[in-house]
Structure formats: C-alpha cells, structure tokens
C-alpha cells in the first residue's frame, strides 16, 4: 500500500477536508494474481490514503469498489495518460476517484 500512498502524494498537495466523501476504487489486476475478495481490498487502500488524500477515513460516507482484469477490453472517456500506459503495459494498479456528496445525496444514503 506504500505505492498507493506515494502516488496519492503526487495528486494531493493537502488532504481533502470534506466530511461527505464518495470514493470509487477500481483495482486492475493480473489474471495470474491469486484470487482476492473485493470486500477486503478497500480497507488497506483507505488506510494508506489517510493523511494524504483525506485526514481520516471517517470522512468517507460512500464507497464503490470493483476489480477488473488487465486483459479486458475497456472504453475509457478522457483517460489519464498513466491509466492508458498501465493498461498497455499490463501493469497492476489502483484507480481512485473522489467526489463530494451533496446534501441531497447524503440524505439518500
């Protein structure tokens, strides 16, 4: 998880201070990787991001988690260069998106 924290440091100059975060986590993995449970993958990632992307993971009110094999075929809208490079090189990586929930969205949780 050190790699996750290191990559996040380059994206965040200061942690997000919102108390209403929605985090999307997508793990792109090798098909040769030993199986892993999706419900166990987010906690270590969230812990690695504490103090970097946000102050404390209690700020996360909603999370969406998924895993995708690197050998898959994907249609990406406006992908970042490093995402395209990692997919082309078949390099395992974690893709994260952060959103601040609106009051209406919080009320619907």
N, C-alpha and C. Protein backbone atom coordinates (compact mmCIF):
# COMPACT_ATOMS: atom_id res chain seq x y z
N UNK A 1 0.82 -1.20 0.00
CA UNK A 1 0.00 0.00 0.00
C UNK A 1 0.86 1.27 0.00
N UNK A 2 2.15 1.08 0.19
CA UNK A 2 3.06 2.22 0.11
C UNK A 2 2.98 2.88 -1.26
N UNK A 3 2.84 2.07 -2.31
CA UNK A 3 2.73 2.62 -3.66
C UNK A 3 1.49 3.49 -3.81
N UNK A 4 0.39 3.09 -3.18
CA UNK A 4 -0.85 3.87 -3.25
C UNK A 4 -0.64 5.23 -2.58
N UNK A 5 -0.06 5.24 -1.39
CA UNK A 5 0.19 6.50 -0.67
C UNK A 5 1.16 7.38 -1.44
N UNK A 6 2.20 6.79 -2.01
CA UNK A 6 3.18 7.56 -2.76
C UNK A 6 2.55 8.21 -3.98
N UNK A 7 1.76 7.46 -4.72
CA UNK A 7 1.08 8.01 -5.90
C UNK A 7 0.10 9.10 -5.49
N UNK A 8 -0.59 8.91 -4.40
CA UNK A 8 -1.57 9.91 -3.94
C UNK A 8 -0.88 11.21 -3.54
N UNK A 9 0.32 11.13 -2.99
CA UNK A 9 1.05 12.35 -2.59
C UNK A 9 1.32 13.26 -3.79
N UNK A 10 1.48 12.67 -4.96
CA UNK A 10 1.72 13.50 -6.14
C UNK A 10 0.42 14.15 -6.64
N UNK A 11 -0.71 13.61 -6.24
CA UNK A 11 -2.00 14.15 -6.68
C UNK A 11 -2.63 15.13 -5.68
N UNK A 12 -2.25 15.02 -4.41
CA UNK A 12 -2.85 15.84 -3.37
C UNK A 12 -1.79 16.67 -2.66
N UNK A 13 -1.90 17.99 -2.77
CA UNK A 13 -0.97 18.85 -2.03
C UNK A 13 -1.38 18.95 -0.57
N UNK A 14 -2.67 18.90 -0.32
CA UNK A 14 -3.22 18.85 1.05
C UNK A 14 -4.39 17.87 1.04
N UNK A 15 -4.67 17.23 2.16
CA UNK A 15 -5.80 16.30 2.21
C UNK A 15 -7.14 17.02 2.03
N UNK A 16 -8.11 16.31 1.45
CA UNK A 16 -9.46 16.84 1.33
C UNK A 16 -10.05 16.99 2.73
N UNK A 17 -10.81 18.06 2.94
CA UNK A 17 -11.37 18.26 4.29
C UNK A 17 -12.88 18.00 4.36
N UNK A 18 -13.49 17.62 3.24
CA UNK A 18 -14.92 17.34 3.23
C UNK A 18 -15.24 16.17 4.16
N UNK A 19 -16.36 16.27 4.82
CA UNK A 19 -16.85 15.16 5.67
C UNK A 19 -17.89 14.34 4.92
N UNK A 20 -17.99 14.55 3.59
CA UNK A 20 -19.03 13.89 2.80
C UNK A 20 -18.41 13.31 1.53
N UNK A 21 -17.42 12.46 1.68
CA UNK A 21 -16.72 11.93 0.52
C UNK A 21 -17.34 10.65 -0.02
N UNK A 22 -17.32 10.54 -1.34
CA UNK A 22 -17.64 9.32 -2.06
C UNK A 22 -16.35 8.93 -2.78
N UNK A 23 -15.89 7.72 -2.56
CA UNK A 23 -14.64 7.26 -3.18
C UNK A 23 -14.94 6.03 -4.04
N UNK A 24 -14.49 6.10 -5.29
CA UNK A 24 -14.59 4.96 -6.20
C UNK A 24 -13.21 4.34 -6.32
N UNK A 25 -13.13 3.03 -6.09
CA UNK A 25 -11.87 2.29 -6.13
C UNK A 25 -12.00 1.19 -7.18
N UNK A 26 -11.08 1.19 -8.15
CA UNK A 26 -11.04 0.12 -9.15
C UNK A 26 -9.63 -0.46 -9.13
N UNK A 27 -9.53 -1.74 -8.87
CA UNK A 27 -8.24 -2.42 -8.87
C UNK A 27 -8.11 -3.18 -10.19
N UNK A 28 -7.12 -2.80 -10.98
CA UNK A 28 -6.80 -3.51 -12.22
C UNK A 28 -5.72 -4.52 -11.88
N UNK A 29 -6.02 -5.80 -12.08
CA UNK A 29 -5.13 -6.86 -11.62
C UNK A 29 -4.80 -7.85 -12.73
N UNK A 30 -3.70 -8.52 -12.54
CA UNK A 30 -3.25 -9.56 -13.46
C UNK A 30 -4.15 -10.78 -13.31
N UNK A 31 -4.40 -11.46 -14.41
CA UNK A 31 -5.21 -12.67 -14.34
C UNK A 31 -4.46 -13.81 -13.64
N UNK A 32 -3.15 -13.66 -13.48
CA UNK A 32 -2.37 -14.69 -12.79
C UNK A 32 -2.33 -14.45 -11.28
N UNK A 33 -2.83 -13.30 -10.85
CA UNK A 33 -2.84 -12.99 -9.41
C UNK A 33 -3.77 -13.95 -8.70
N UNK A 34 -3.36 -14.34 -7.51
CA UNK A 34 -4.21 -15.18 -6.69
C UNK A 34 -5.53 -14.45 -6.44
N UNK A 35 -6.61 -15.17 -6.37
CA UNK A 35 -7.92 -14.55 -6.15
C UNK A 35 -7.92 -13.72 -4.87
N UNK A 36 -8.68 -12.63 -4.90
CA UNK A 36 -8.85 -11.82 -3.70
C UNK A 36 -10.28 -11.34 -3.63
N UNK A 37 -10.77 -11.18 -2.42
CA UNK A 37 -12.15 -10.76 -2.19
C UNK A 37 -12.27 -9.25 -2.30
N UNK A 38 -13.26 -8.81 -3.04
CA UNK A 38 -13.46 -7.38 -3.26
C UNK A 38 -13.76 -6.65 -1.94
N UNK A 39 -14.46 -7.32 -1.03
CA UNK A 39 -14.82 -6.65 0.22
C UNK A 39 -13.63 -6.46 1.16
N UNK A 40 -12.51 -7.14 0.88
CA UNK A 40 -11.32 -6.98 1.71
C UNK A 40 -10.29 -6.02 1.12
N UNK A 41 -10.48 -5.57 -0.10
CA UNK A 41 -9.43 -4.80 -0.76
C UNK A 41 -9.44 -3.32 -0.40
N UNK A 42 -10.58 -2.75 -0.06
CA UNK A 42 -10.66 -1.30 0.12
C UNK A 42 -10.04 -0.82 1.43
N UNK A 43 -10.17 -1.55 2.50
CA UNK A 43 -9.69 -1.07 3.81
C UNK A 43 -8.20 -0.73 3.79
N UNK A 44 -7.31 -1.59 3.29
CA UNK A 44 -5.89 -1.21 3.26
C UNK A 44 -5.62 0.01 2.38
N UNK A 45 -6.38 0.13 1.28
CA UNK A 45 -6.22 1.30 0.41
C UNK A 45 -6.66 2.56 1.15
N UNK A 46 -7.83 2.50 1.80
CA UNK A 46 -8.31 3.66 2.55
C UNK A 46 -7.34 4.05 3.66
N UNK A 47 -6.79 3.06 4.35
CA UNK A 47 -5.82 3.35 5.42
C UNK A 47 -4.56 4.01 4.85
N UNK A 48 -4.10 3.57 3.68
CA UNK A 48 -2.90 4.14 3.06
C UNK A 48 -3.11 5.59 2.66
N UNK A 49 -4.34 5.98 2.39
CA UNK A 49 -4.64 7.34 1.93
C UNK A 49 -4.87 8.33 3.07
N UNK A 50 -4.96 7.83 4.30
CA UNK A 50 -5.16 8.73 5.44
C UNK A 50 -3.98 9.68 5.58
N UNK A 51 -4.29 10.96 5.75
CA UNK A 51 -3.27 11.98 5.87
C UNK A 51 -2.70 12.44 4.54
N UNK A 52 -3.12 11.78 3.45
CA UNK A 52 -2.64 12.14 2.11
C UNK A 52 -3.81 12.67 1.28
N UNK A 53 -4.81 11.82 1.03
CA UNK A 53 -5.97 12.22 0.23
C UNK A 53 -7.06 12.84 1.10
N UNK A 54 -7.12 12.42 2.34
CA UNK A 54 -8.06 12.95 3.33
C UNK A 54 -7.42 12.76 4.70
N UNK A 55 -8.00 13.41 5.70
CA UNK A 55 -7.41 13.35 7.03
C UNK A 55 -7.67 12.02 7.73
N UNK A 56 -8.89 11.52 7.58
CA UNK A 56 -9.29 10.29 8.26
C UNK A 56 -10.35 9.61 7.41
N UNK A 57 -10.33 8.28 7.37
CA UNK A 57 -11.30 7.61 6.51
C UNK A 57 -12.74 7.67 7.04
N UNK A 58 -12.95 8.26 8.21
CA UNK A 58 -14.33 8.51 8.66
C UNK A 58 -15.01 9.56 7.78
N UNK A 59 -14.22 10.29 6.98
CA UNK A 59 -14.77 11.27 6.05
C UNK A 59 -15.51 10.61 4.88
N UNK A 60 -15.25 9.32 4.67
CA UNK A 60 -15.87 8.60 3.56
C UNK A 60 -17.25 8.12 3.98
N UNK A 61 -18.27 8.65 3.32
CA UNK A 61 -19.64 8.23 3.61
C UNK A 61 -20.12 7.15 2.65
N UNK A 62 -19.52 7.11 1.47
CA UNK A 62 -19.92 6.14 0.47
C UNK A 62 -18.69 5.69 -0.30
N UNK A 63 -18.63 4.40 -0.61
CA UNK A 63 -17.52 3.86 -1.39
C UNK A 63 -18.07 2.85 -2.39
N UNK A 64 -17.46 2.84 -3.54
CA UNK A 64 -17.80 1.87 -4.59
C UNK A 64 -16.51 1.16 -4.94
N UNK A 65 -16.53 -0.16 -4.94
CA UNK A 65 -15.32 -0.93 -5.18
C UNK A 65 -15.55 -1.91 -6.32
N UNK A 66 -14.55 -2.04 -7.16
CA UNK A 66 -14.62 -3.05 -8.22
C UNK A 66 -13.21 -3.49 -8.58
N UNK A 67 -13.14 -4.61 -9.25
CA UNK A 67 -11.86 -5.12 -9.73
C UNK A 67 -12.04 -5.52 -11.18
N UNK A 68 -10.98 -5.29 -11.96
CA UNK A 68 -11.02 -5.57 -13.38
C UNK A 68 -9.73 -6.26 -13.80
N UNK A 69 -9.82 -7.28 -14.65
CA UNK A 69 -8.60 -7.93 -15.13
C UNK A 69 -7.90 -7.04 -16.15
N UNK A 70 -6.60 -7.05 -16.13
CA UNK A 70 -5.82 -6.23 -17.06
C UNK A 70 -6.04 -6.62 -18.51
N UNK A 71 -6.34 -7.85 -18.78
CA UNK A 71 -6.52 -8.30 -20.15
C UNK A 71 -7.86 -7.94 -20.76
N UNK A 72 -8.70 -7.22 -20.02
CA UNK A 72 -10.02 -6.88 -20.52
C UNK A 72 -9.99 -5.81 -21.59
N UNK A 73 -11.13 -5.64 -22.23
CA UNK A 73 -11.29 -4.60 -23.24
C UNK A 73 -12.13 -3.49 -22.63
N UNK A 74 -11.63 -2.26 -22.65
CA UNK A 74 -12.31 -1.16 -21.96
C UNK A 74 -12.49 0.04 -22.88
N UNK A 75 -13.60 0.72 -22.70
CA UNK A 75 -13.83 2.00 -23.35
C UNK A 75 -13.72 3.06 -22.26
N UNK A 76 -12.75 3.95 -22.40
CA UNK A 76 -12.49 4.95 -21.38
C UNK A 76 -12.76 6.35 -21.94
N UNK A 77 -13.49 7.14 -21.18
CA UNK A 77 -13.75 8.53 -21.56
C UNK A 77 -12.70 9.42 -20.92
N UNK A 78 -11.90 10.09 -21.72
CA UNK A 78 -10.87 11.01 -21.23
C UNK A 78 -9.93 10.37 -20.21
N UNK A 79 -9.32 9.25 -20.53
CA UNK A 79 -8.44 8.60 -19.56
C UNK A 79 -7.15 9.39 -19.34
N UNK A 80 -6.63 9.30 -18.14
CA UNK A 80 -5.33 9.91 -17.83
C UNK A 80 -4.25 9.08 -18.52
N UNK A 81 -3.16 9.74 -18.87
CA UNK A 81 -2.07 9.08 -19.56
C UNK A 81 -1.52 7.88 -18.83
N UNK A 82 -1.39 8.00 -17.52
CA UNK A 82 -0.83 6.88 -16.76
C UNK A 82 -1.76 5.69 -16.72
N UNK A 83 -3.08 5.92 -16.81
CA UNK A 83 -4.04 4.82 -16.87
C UNK A 83 -3.85 4.06 -18.17
N UNK A 84 -3.77 4.79 -19.27
CA UNK A 84 -3.56 4.16 -20.58
C UNK A 84 -2.24 3.40 -20.59
N UNK A 85 -1.19 4.00 -20.05
CA UNK A 85 0.12 3.35 -20.03
C UNK A 85 0.09 2.07 -19.20
N UNK A 86 -0.52 2.12 -18.02
CA UNK A 86 -0.59 0.93 -17.17
C UNK A 86 -1.37 -0.19 -17.84
N UNK A 87 -2.47 0.16 -18.50
CA UNK A 87 -3.24 -0.86 -19.21
C UNK A 87 -2.45 -1.44 -20.37
N UNK A 88 -1.77 -0.59 -21.13
CA UNK A 88 -0.98 -1.06 -22.27
C UNK A 88 0.17 -1.95 -21.82
N UNK A 89 0.78 -1.62 -20.69
CA UNK A 89 1.91 -2.40 -20.17
C UNK A 89 1.47 -3.58 -19.32
N UNK A 90 0.14 -3.72 -19.13
CA UNK A 90 -0.40 -4.79 -18.28
C UNK A 90 0.17 -4.71 -16.86
N UNK A 91 0.28 -3.49 -16.36
CA UNK A 91 0.84 -3.24 -15.04
C UNK A 91 -0.30 -3.05 -14.03
N UNK A 92 -0.30 -3.84 -12.98
CA UNK A 92 -1.35 -3.73 -11.96
C UNK A 92 -1.35 -2.34 -11.34
N UNK A 93 -2.55 -1.82 -11.10
CA UNK A 93 -2.67 -0.50 -10.47
C UNK A 93 -4.04 -0.32 -9.85
N UNK A 94 -4.13 0.71 -9.01
CA UNK A 94 -5.38 1.09 -8.37
C UNK A 94 -5.80 2.44 -8.94
N UNK A 95 -7.04 2.53 -9.39
CA UNK A 95 -7.59 3.78 -9.91
C UNK A 95 -8.60 4.30 -8.89
N UNK A 96 -8.44 5.56 -8.52
CA UNK A 96 -9.30 6.17 -7.49
C UNK A 96 -9.96 7.43 -8.02
N UNK A 97 -11.20 7.64 -7.64
CA UNK A 97 -11.90 8.89 -7.91
C UNK A 97 -12.52 9.35 -6.60
N UNK A 98 -12.47 10.66 -6.38
CA UNK A 98 -13.03 11.26 -5.17
C UNK A 98 -14.10 12.27 -5.55
N UNK A 99 -15.23 12.20 -4.87
CA UNK A 99 -16.33 13.14 -5.10
C UNK A 99 -16.84 13.63 -3.76
N UNK A 100 -17.32 14.86 -3.73
CA UNK A 100 -18.00 15.34 -2.53
C UNK A 100 -19.50 15.17 -2.75
N UNK A 101 -20.15 14.49 -1.82
CA UNK A 101 -21.57 14.26 -1.92
C UNK A 101 -22.34 15.54 -1.60
N UNK A 102 -23.45 15.74 -2.28
CA UNK A 102 -24.33 16.88 -1.98
C UNK A 102 -25.17 16.53 -0.75
N UNK A 103 -25.79 17.52 -0.17
CA UNK A 103 -26.66 17.27 0.99
C UNK A 103 -27.79 16.31 0.60
N UNK A 104 -28.31 16.45 -0.61
CA UNK A 104 -29.38 15.56 -1.08
C UNK A 104 -28.88 14.13 -1.16
N UNK A 105 -27.67 13.94 -1.70
CA UNK A 105 -27.10 12.60 -1.80
C UNK A 105 -26.85 12.00 -0.42
N UNK A 106 -26.39 12.81 0.52
CA UNK A 106 -26.16 12.35 1.89
C UNK A 106 -27.49 11.90 2.49
N UNK A 107 -28.54 12.67 2.25
CA UNK A 107 -29.85 12.33 2.77
C UNK A 107 -30.43 11.05 2.21
N UNK A 108 -29.95 10.65 1.03
CA UNK A 108 -30.44 9.43 0.39
C UNK A 108 -29.65 8.19 0.79
N UNK A 109 -28.61 8.36 1.57
CA UNK A 109 -27.80 7.20 1.98
C UNK A 109 -28.53 6.33 2.97
